[in-house]
Amino acid sequence: MTSAPAVPRVEAVAAIGTSAMVGLATGFSTPLVSLRLDSMGTGSSLVGLAAAMPAVGFLVSAPLTQVLARRVRARRLLLGGTIGSACSILCLALTSDLTVWIVLRLCMGIATGILVIVGETWINALAPDSARGRLVAVYTTVFTLCQTTGPSLLAALGHEGTAPIVIAAAVQMTAAIPLLLASCVIGGLDVRDRMSLLGFMRAAPVIVVAVLAFAFFDSTVLAFLPLYGLGHGMTAATASIMVTIVFLGDTLFQIPLGWLADRFNRPALHRYCGVGMLAAALLLPLLMGAPILLWPALLVLGAAAGGIYTLGLVRMGDHFKGARLATANAAAGLVWGLGGVTGPLVGGGMIDAIGPEGLVAVLVLLPFAFLAATRASIRDGARVS
């Protein structure tokens, strides 16, 4: 019996460590900036603008990463992203000027976007086919876990003074430690074989829709699920717990899904995640008055939505290699940014148009679109079905 190829441990720890620090930094700094701006009397629209800047920065980072990767080795690119993200957080302590803060949030989005795009390329390049599901699942689980830990850390430290900002910057810089220890970081990230967003969409429509759906889901649920709970008579505390349960499902079930992906048919498992998300979203209005059934449904919703994204990354590593993997991740980063920016806008528009159930309409449309894409790909014989 042939054993699976070994994964370089230091490199894997460095890649996952980068994911962890990006998650923790974003989970900590986003509510920190919103609270600080609110305490300064800033209007809600400007607070929302500041909150959207990282997603805009992510859009910028996708083409920028392709340009930089042709000139800078991946290790230096990751170190530069780490330092840039930490500095953009630290500089928040130097001024209270709103315009500067918005620019700094944009810079942080660009830096963390580079980290995510290169990190996802790296983890897929490291993983042998037989272990890709588990390794990518660990990567995404650590990111989600650290992102959800950020607000708890902020609650413990408070949002006043410079100490929380300095601590957030210091935490981000710890990602540099495993990067400095890693002996080889996907040597060179060659992107000479460039692929446009349109080319990526033609080559892997299912992965495009998977990334877009999860980015849409992530931003929309964070923004509107607590309001949906309030609209159904929940207290603010209980409505907030709904979000926690959704992302708990995302966190807990990605590694089991990764394990299954290494043992069973990945495209079929990917489709089952879409079916699970669709079923949970359809049941949501019916279960709002039955908490004993609502909490498990929210767990399934989070697990299935996270699985759509995780298995999308796994399948990207299956179908793209070398330079095309790097450019595919950059194109996926652009898709993620589009989903992150448009998700709250479309979600808010749907809620304004048809009331609280507009959120459910969005949550139903996302897996429906994903399943339609998988069906169309199978019918057309697309490479990634």
Protein backbone atom coordinates (compact mmCIF):
# COMPACT_ATOMS: atom_id res chain seq x y z
CA MET A 1 0.00 0.00 0.00
CA THR A 2 1.49 3.36 -1.05
CA SER A 3 1.48 6.04 1.62
CA ALA A 4 0.32 9.57 0.82
CA PRO A 5 3.06 12.10 0.11
CA ALA A 6 4.10 14.01 3.22
CA VAL A 7 3.05 17.63 3.58
CA PRO A 8 5.97 19.93 4.58
CA ARG A 9 5.05 20.72 8.18
CA VAL A 10 6.69 24.12 8.61
CA GLU A 11 5.25 25.36 5.33
CA ALA A 12 1.78 24.08 6.25
CA VAL A 13 1.99 25.75 9.67
CA ALA A 14 3.10 28.99 8.01
CA ALA A 15 0.23 28.93 5.53
CA ILE A 16 -2.34 28.14 8.21
CA GLY A 17 -0.74 30.70 10.56
CA THR A 18 -1.15 33.37 7.90
CA SER A 19 -4.84 32.43 7.61
CA ALA A 20 -5.24 32.57 11.39
CA MET A 21 -3.77 36.03 11.75
CA VAL A 22 -5.77 37.46 8.85
CA GLY A 23 -8.95 36.07 10.43
CA LEU A 24 -8.11 37.38 13.89
CA ALA A 25 -7.04 40.80 12.62
CA THR A 26 -10.19 41.29 10.53
CA GLY A 27 -12.50 39.91 13.21
CA PHE A 28 -10.92 42.23 15.79
CA SER A 29 -10.38 45.40 13.76
CA THR A 30 -13.71 45.59 11.91
CA PRO A 31 -15.94 45.96 15.00
CA LEU A 32 -13.19 48.03 16.67
CA VAL A 33 -13.29 50.62 13.88
CA SER A 34 -17.09 50.66 13.85
CA LEU A 35 -17.27 51.20 17.63
CA ARG A 36 -14.61 53.89 17.61
CA LEU A 37 -16.28 55.76 14.75
CA ASP A 38 -19.65 55.50 16.45
CA SER A 39 -18.21 56.87 19.71
CA MET A 40 -16.89 59.85 17.70
CA GLY A 41 -20.42 60.60 16.51
CA THR A 42 -19.87 59.41 12.94
CA GLY A 43 -23.04 58.76 10.92
CA SER A 44 -24.13 55.23 10.10
CA SER A 45 -23.52 55.67 6.37
CA LEU A 46 -19.89 56.63 6.96
CA VAL A 47 -19.44 53.79 9.43
CA GLY A 48 -20.80 51.50 6.71
CA LEU A 49 -18.39 53.00 4.19
CA ALA A 50 -15.45 52.30 6.48
CA ALA A 51 -16.71 48.73 7.01
CA ALA A 52 -16.92 48.19 3.23
CA MET A 53 -13.39 49.41 2.50
CA PRO A 54 -11.65 46.07 3.22
CA ALA A 55 -13.88 44.39 0.61
CA VAL A 56 -13.02 47.15 -1.88
CA GLY A 57 -9.35 46.60 -1.02
CA PHE A 58 -9.83 42.90 -1.73
CA LEU A 59 -11.05 43.80 -5.22
CA VAL A 60 -7.88 45.86 -5.75
CA SER A 61 -5.64 43.13 -4.34
CA ALA A 62 -6.64 40.50 -6.93
CA PRO A 63 -5.05 42.14 -10.01
CA LEU A 64 -2.31 43.67 -7.85
CA THR A 65 -1.25 40.23 -6.61
CA GLN A 66 -0.83 39.00 -10.18
CA VAL A 67 1.40 41.99 -10.98
CA LEU A 68 3.48 41.70 -7.80
CA ALA A 69 3.85 37.93 -8.05
CA ARG A 70 5.72 38.29 -11.34
CA ARG A 71 8.38 40.38 -9.59
CA VAL A 72 8.43 39.29 -5.94
CA ARG A 73 8.90 35.83 -4.45
CA ALA A 74 5.93 34.48 -2.54
CA ARG A 75 7.65 34.57 0.87
CA ARG A 76 8.40 38.28 0.49
CA LEU A 77 4.91 38.93 -0.81
CA LEU A 78 3.42 37.27 2.27
CA LEU A 79 5.76 39.13 4.62
CA GLY A 80 4.90 42.39 2.86
CA GLY A 81 1.19 41.70 3.22
CA THR A 82 1.64 40.88 6.90
CA ILE A 83 3.61 44.05 7.60
CA GLY A 84 1.23 46.17 5.51
CA SER A 85 -1.81 44.85 7.35
CA ALA A 86 -0.20 45.38 10.77
CA CYS A 87 0.90 48.92 9.89
CA SER A 88 -2.53 49.87 8.56
CA ILE A 89 -4.01 48.78 11.90
CA LEU A 90 -1.31 50.48 13.97
CA CYS A 91 -1.71 53.81 12.14
CA LEU A 92 -5.33 53.95 13.35
CA ALA A 93 -3.86 54.96 16.72
CA LEU A 94 -2.09 57.98 15.25
CA THR A 95 -5.12 59.96 14.09
CA SER A 96 -8.88 60.23 14.44
CA ASP A 97 -9.38 61.77 10.99
CA LEU A 98 -12.22 59.90 9.27
CA THR A 99 -10.77 60.21 5.77
CA VAL A 100 -7.44 58.77 6.91
CA TRP A 101 -9.24 55.91 8.67
CA ILE A 102 -11.15 55.03 5.49
CA VAL A 103 -7.89 55.02 3.51
CA LEU A 104 -6.25 52.84 6.17
CA ARG A 105 -9.15 50.37 6.01
CA LEU A 106 -8.71 50.23 2.23
CA CYS A 107 -4.98 49.55 2.69
CA MET A 108 -5.73 46.78 5.17
CA GLY A 109 -8.13 45.20 2.66
CA ILE A 110 -5.44 45.24 -0.02
CA ALA A 111 -2.81 43.74 2.32
CA THR A 112 -5.07 41.01 3.70
CA GLY A 113 -6.35 40.27 0.20
CA ILE A 114 -2.78 39.56 -0.93
CA LEU A 115 -2.32 37.28 2.10
CA VAL A 116 -5.51 35.35 1.40
CA ILE A 117 -4.87 34.93 -2.33
CA VAL A 118 -1.26 33.82 -1.91
CA GLY A 119 -2.10 31.75 1.19
CA GLU A 120 -4.86 29.81 -0.57
CA THR A 121 -2.56 29.19 -3.54
CA TRP A 122 0.15 28.04 -1.16
CA ILE A 123 -1.99 25.60 0.83
CA ASN A 124 -3.33 24.04 -2.39
CA ALA A 125 0.16 23.78 -3.85
CA LEU A 126 1.42 22.06 -0.69
CA ALA A 127 -1.40 19.52 -0.45
CA PRO A 128 -1.18 16.15 -2.21
CA ASP A 129 -4.43 15.17 -3.93
CA SER A 130 -5.11 12.47 -1.34
CA ALA A 131 -5.00 14.92 1.59
CA ARG A 132 -6.15 18.16 -0.06
CA GLY A 133 -9.62 18.05 1.49
CA ARG A 134 -8.35 17.82 5.06
CA LEU A 135 -5.56 20.38 4.69
CA VAL A 136 -7.73 22.99 2.98
CA ALA A 137 -10.47 22.34 5.56
CA VAL A 138 -8.01 23.00 8.40
CA TYR A 139 -6.97 26.22 6.65
CA THR A 140 -10.54 27.51 6.29
CA THR A 141 -11.56 26.33 9.77
CA VAL A 142 -8.68 28.18 11.43
CA PHE A 143 -9.56 31.33 9.50
CA THR A 144 -13.22 31.19 10.56
CA LEU A 145 -12.39 30.30 14.17
CA CYS A 146 -9.95 33.19 14.49
CA GLN A 147 -12.36 35.59 12.77
CA THR A 148 -15.09 34.73 15.27
CA THR A 149 -12.59 34.99 18.15
CA GLY A 150 -11.76 38.60 17.18
CA PRO A 151 -14.95 40.17 18.60
CA SER A 152 -14.51 38.23 21.86
CA LEU A 153 -10.96 39.56 22.19
CA LEU A 154 -12.28 43.07 21.56
CA ALA A 155 -14.93 42.59 24.25
CA ALA A 156 -12.21 41.60 26.72
CA LEU A 157 -9.87 44.49 25.85
CA GLY A 158 -12.44 47.21 25.16
CA HIS A 159 -12.33 49.66 22.27
CA GLU A 160 -11.04 52.80 24.00
CA GLY A 161 -7.45 54.02 23.96
CA THR A 162 -4.49 52.86 21.90
CA ALA A 163 -3.88 49.52 23.62
CA PRO A 164 -6.44 47.49 21.60
CA ILE A 165 -5.06 48.87 18.32
CA VAL A 166 -1.46 48.11 19.28
CA ILE A 167 -2.42 44.59 20.39
CA ALA A 168 -4.28 43.95 17.10
CA ALA A 169 -1.22 45.08 15.10
CA ALA A 170 1.10 42.93 17.23
CA VAL A 171 -1.14 39.89 16.76
CA GLN A 172 -1.07 40.39 12.99
CA MET A 173 2.74 40.57 13.03
CA THR A 174 3.01 37.14 14.67
CA ALA A 175 2.11 35.66 11.27
CA ALA A 176 5.63 36.63 10.17
CA ILE A 177 7.23 34.10 12.55
CA PRO A 178 6.32 30.88 10.68
CA LEU A 179 6.91 32.68 7.37
CA LEU A 180 10.50 33.39 8.39
CA LEU A 181 10.95 29.75 9.44
CA ALA A 182 9.42 28.24 6.30
CA SER A 183 12.18 26.91 4.08
CA CYS A 184 10.27 27.12 0.81
CA VAL A 185 7.19 29.10 0.02
CA ILE A 186 5.76 27.99 -3.32
CA GLY A 187 8.92 29.07 -5.06
CA GLY A 188 8.24 32.00 -7.21
CA LEU A 189 4.44 32.00 -7.65
CA ASP A 190 4.88 32.07 -11.42
CA VAL A 191 1.95 33.88 -13.07
CA ARG A 192 3.20 34.09 -16.63
CA ASP A 193 0.31 31.82 -17.63
CA ARG A 194 -2.23 34.52 -16.91
CA MET A 195 -5.97 33.86 -16.77
CA SER A 196 -8.59 36.60 -16.85
CA LEU A 197 -11.74 36.57 -14.75
CA LEU A 198 -13.68 35.66 -17.89
CA GLY A 199 -11.26 32.82 -18.57
CA PHE A 200 -11.64 31.58 -14.99
CA MET A 201 -15.44 31.71 -15.32
CA ARG A 202 -15.30 29.65 -18.51
CA ALA A 203 -12.88 27.10 -17.04
CA ALA A 204 -14.54 26.70 -13.63
CA PRO A 205 -18.06 28.17 -13.46
CA VAL A 206 -18.99 26.04 -10.45
CA ILE A 207 -16.02 27.33 -8.43
CA VAL A 208 -16.85 30.92 -9.42
CA VAL A 209 -20.44 30.55 -8.20
CA ALA A 210 -19.27 28.73 -5.04
CA VAL A 211 -16.89 31.56 -4.07
CA LEU A 212 -19.43 34.24 -4.98
CA ALA A 213 -22.20 32.50 -3.04
CA PHE A 214 -20.17 32.15 0.14
CA ALA A 215 -18.83 35.72 0.02
CA PHE A 216 -22.41 36.93 -0.49
CA PHE A 217 -23.60 34.68 2.36
CA ASP A 218 -20.82 35.74 4.75
CA SER A 219 -21.40 39.48 4.40
CA THR A 220 -25.20 39.26 4.26
CA VAL A 221 -25.62 37.02 7.30
CA LEU A 222 -23.31 39.18 9.41
CA ALA A 223 -25.24 42.30 8.47
CA PHE A 224 -28.86 41.15 8.46
CA LEU A 225 -29.46 37.88 10.34
CA PRO A 226 -29.66 39.65 13.75
CA LEU A 227 -32.21 42.08 12.26
CA TYR A 228 -34.19 39.11 10.92
CA GLY A 229 -34.32 37.66 14.41
CA LEU A 230 -35.48 40.98 15.87
CA GLY A 231 -38.20 41.12 13.22
CA HIS A 232 -39.49 37.77 14.49
CA GLY A 233 -39.72 38.97 18.09
CA MET A 234 -36.36 37.79 19.41
CA THR A 235 -34.34 39.79 21.90
CA ALA A 236 -31.19 41.45 20.62
CA ALA A 237 -29.04 38.94 22.52
CA THR A 238 -30.84 35.91 21.04
CA ALA A 239 -30.83 37.41 17.57
CA SER A 240 -27.05 37.88 17.81
CA ILE A 241 -26.63 34.26 18.91
CA MET A 242 -28.16 33.22 15.57
CA VAL A 243 -25.06 34.54 13.80
CA THR A 244 -22.80 32.75 16.27
CA ILE A 245 -24.60 29.45 15.65
CA VAL A 246 -24.32 29.82 11.86
CA PHE A 247 -20.57 30.39 12.01
CA LEU A 248 -20.17 27.69 14.66
CA GLY A 249 -21.62 25.27 12.09
CA ASP A 250 -19.14 26.60 9.54
CA THR A 251 -16.24 26.14 11.98
CA LEU A 252 -17.13 22.69 13.34
CA PHE A 253 -17.97 20.87 10.15
CA GLN A 254 -15.30 21.88 7.64
CA ILE A 255 -12.71 19.34 8.82
CA PRO A 256 -15.22 16.44 8.70
CA LEU A 257 -16.24 17.62 5.22
CA GLY A 258 -12.57 17.76 4.22
CA TRP A 259 -12.11 14.20 5.51
CA LEU A 260 -15.10 13.07 3.44
CA ALA A 261 -13.73 14.91 0.41
CA ASP A 262 -10.56 12.81 0.60
CA ARG A 263 -12.57 9.57 0.58
CA PHE A 264 -15.61 10.15 -1.59
CA ASN A 265 -16.61 11.85 -4.82
CA ARG A 266 -15.80 15.56 -4.38
CA PRO A 267 -18.22 16.97 -6.98
CA ALA A 268 -21.10 14.95 -5.47
CA LEU A 269 -20.22 16.07 -1.92
CA HIS A 270 -20.05 19.65 -3.18
CA ARG A 271 -23.59 19.34 -4.58
CA TYR A 272 -24.86 17.84 -1.32
CA CYS A 273 -23.61 20.95 0.49
CA GLY A 274 -25.71 23.05 -1.90
CA VAL A 275 -28.77 20.90 -1.19
CA GLY A 276 -28.20 21.17 2.58
CA MET A 277 -27.90 24.96 2.42
CA LEU A 278 -31.03 25.24 0.28
CA ALA A 279 -33.06 23.03 2.64
CA ALA A 280 -31.94 24.94 5.76
CA ALA A 281 -32.70 28.31 4.14
CA LEU A 282 -36.18 27.19 3.05
CA LEU A 283 -36.98 25.94 6.57
CA LEU A 284 -35.77 29.11 8.31
CA PRO A 285 -39.10 31.03 8.35
CA LEU A 286 -40.96 27.93 9.57
CA LEU A 287 -38.57 27.35 12.48
CA MET A 288 -38.31 30.87 13.90
CA GLY A 289 -40.89 30.01 16.56
CA ALA A 290 -39.29 26.66 17.43
CA PRO A 291 -35.79 27.23 18.87
CA ILE A 292 -35.22 23.53 19.52
CA LEU A 293 -35.31 23.01 15.74
CA LEU A 294 -33.99 26.43 14.71
CA TRP A 295 -30.50 26.03 16.23
CA PRO A 296 -29.74 22.72 14.43
CA ALA A 297 -31.02 24.24 11.15
CA LEU A 298 -28.68 27.21 11.59
CA LEU A 299 -25.78 24.81 12.24
CA VAL A 300 -26.60 23.01 8.99
CA LEU A 301 -26.90 26.33 7.15
CA GLY A 302 -23.44 27.42 8.30
CA ALA A 303 -21.83 24.02 7.72
CA ALA A 304 -23.26 23.67 4.21
CA ALA A 305 -22.43 27.25 3.18
CA GLY A 306 -18.88 26.86 4.48
CA GLY A 307 -18.63 23.52 2.71
CA ILE A 308 -19.53 25.13 -0.61
CA TYR A 309 -16.52 27.43 -0.22
CA THR A 310 -14.08 24.90 1.26
CA LEU A 311 -14.82 22.28 -1.38
CA GLY A 312 -14.57 25.00 -4.03
CA LEU A 313 -10.97 25.62 -2.91
CA VAL A 314 -10.26 21.88 -2.83
CA ARG A 315 -11.55 21.43 -6.36
CA MET A 316 -9.59 24.46 -7.54
CA GLY A 317 -6.44 22.67 -6.36
CA ASP A 318 -7.60 19.54 -8.20
CA HIS A 319 -8.07 21.26 -11.54
CA PHE A 320 -5.44 24.02 -11.61
CA LYS A 321 -1.73 23.52 -11.12
CA GLY A 322 1.35 25.73 -11.02
CA ALA A 323 0.93 29.16 -12.58
CA ARG A 324 -2.74 28.58 -13.39
CA LEU A 325 -3.45 27.82 -9.73
CA ALA A 326 -2.00 31.20 -8.75
CA THR A 327 -4.02 33.08 -11.35
CA ALA A 328 -7.16 31.08 -10.51
CA ASN A 329 -6.83 32.13 -6.88
CA ALA A 330 -6.37 35.75 -7.91
CA ALA A 331 -9.51 35.53 -10.06
CA ALA A 332 -11.34 33.88 -7.16
CA GLY A 333 -10.19 36.74 -4.93
CA LEU A 334 -11.80 39.20 -7.32
CA VAL A 335 -15.03 37.17 -7.23
CA TRP A 336 -14.89 37.15 -3.40
CA GLY A 337 -14.50 40.91 -3.32
CA LEU A 338 -17.48 41.36 -5.64
CA GLY A 339 -19.59 39.14 -3.41
CA GLY A 340 -18.47 40.91 -0.24
CA VAL A 341 -19.29 44.36 -1.63
CA THR A 342 -22.60 43.52 -3.31
CA GLY A 343 -23.96 41.10 -0.70
CA PRO A 344 -25.14 43.68 1.87
CA LEU A 345 -26.39 45.97 -0.92
CA VAL A 346 -28.54 43.28 -2.54
CA GLY A 347 -29.61 41.87 0.83
CA GLY A 348 -30.66 45.30 2.07
CA GLY A 349 -32.50 45.98 -1.18
CA MET A 350 -34.40 42.69 -0.94
CA ILE A 351 -35.38 43.39 2.66
CA ASP A 352 -36.55 46.91 1.75
CA ALA A 353 -38.58 45.48 -1.14
CA ILE A 354 -40.34 42.52 0.51
CA GLY A 355 -39.67 42.83 4.24
CA PRO A 356 -37.66 40.59 6.60
CA GLU A 357 -38.21 37.52 4.43
CA GLY A 358 -36.08 39.24 1.79
CA LEU A 359 -33.11 37.79 3.68
CA VAL A 360 -34.52 34.30 3.28
CA ALA A 361 -35.02 34.97 -0.43
CA VAL A 362 -31.30 35.80 -0.72
CA LEU A 363 -30.28 32.73 1.30
CA VAL A 364 -32.42 30.52 -0.95
CA LEU A 365 -31.19 32.07 -4.20
CA LEU A 366 -27.50 31.48 -3.35
CA PRO A 367 -27.57 27.65 -3.16
CA PHE A 368 -30.15 27.55 -5.98
CA ALA A 369 -27.69 29.43 -8.22
CA PHE A 370 -24.88 27.11 -7.15
CA LEU A 371 -26.89 23.96 -7.88
CA ALA A 372 -28.01 25.41 -11.22
CA ALA A 373 -24.36 26.04 -12.10
CA THR A 374 -23.41 22.45 -11.23
CA ARG A 375 -26.28 21.09 -13.30
CA ALA A 376 -25.40 23.29 -16.28
CA SER A 377 -21.73 22.25 -16.03
CA ILE A 378 -22.62 18.57 -16.01
CA ARG A 379 -24.95 19.05 -19.00
CA ASP A 380 -22.33 20.99 -20.96
CA GLY A 381 -19.48 18.69 -19.99
CA ALA A 382 -17.50 21.51 -18.33
CA ARG A 383 -14.13 20.64 -16.88
CA VAL A 384 -15.18 21.51 -13.30
CA SER A 385 -18.70 20.14 -12.78
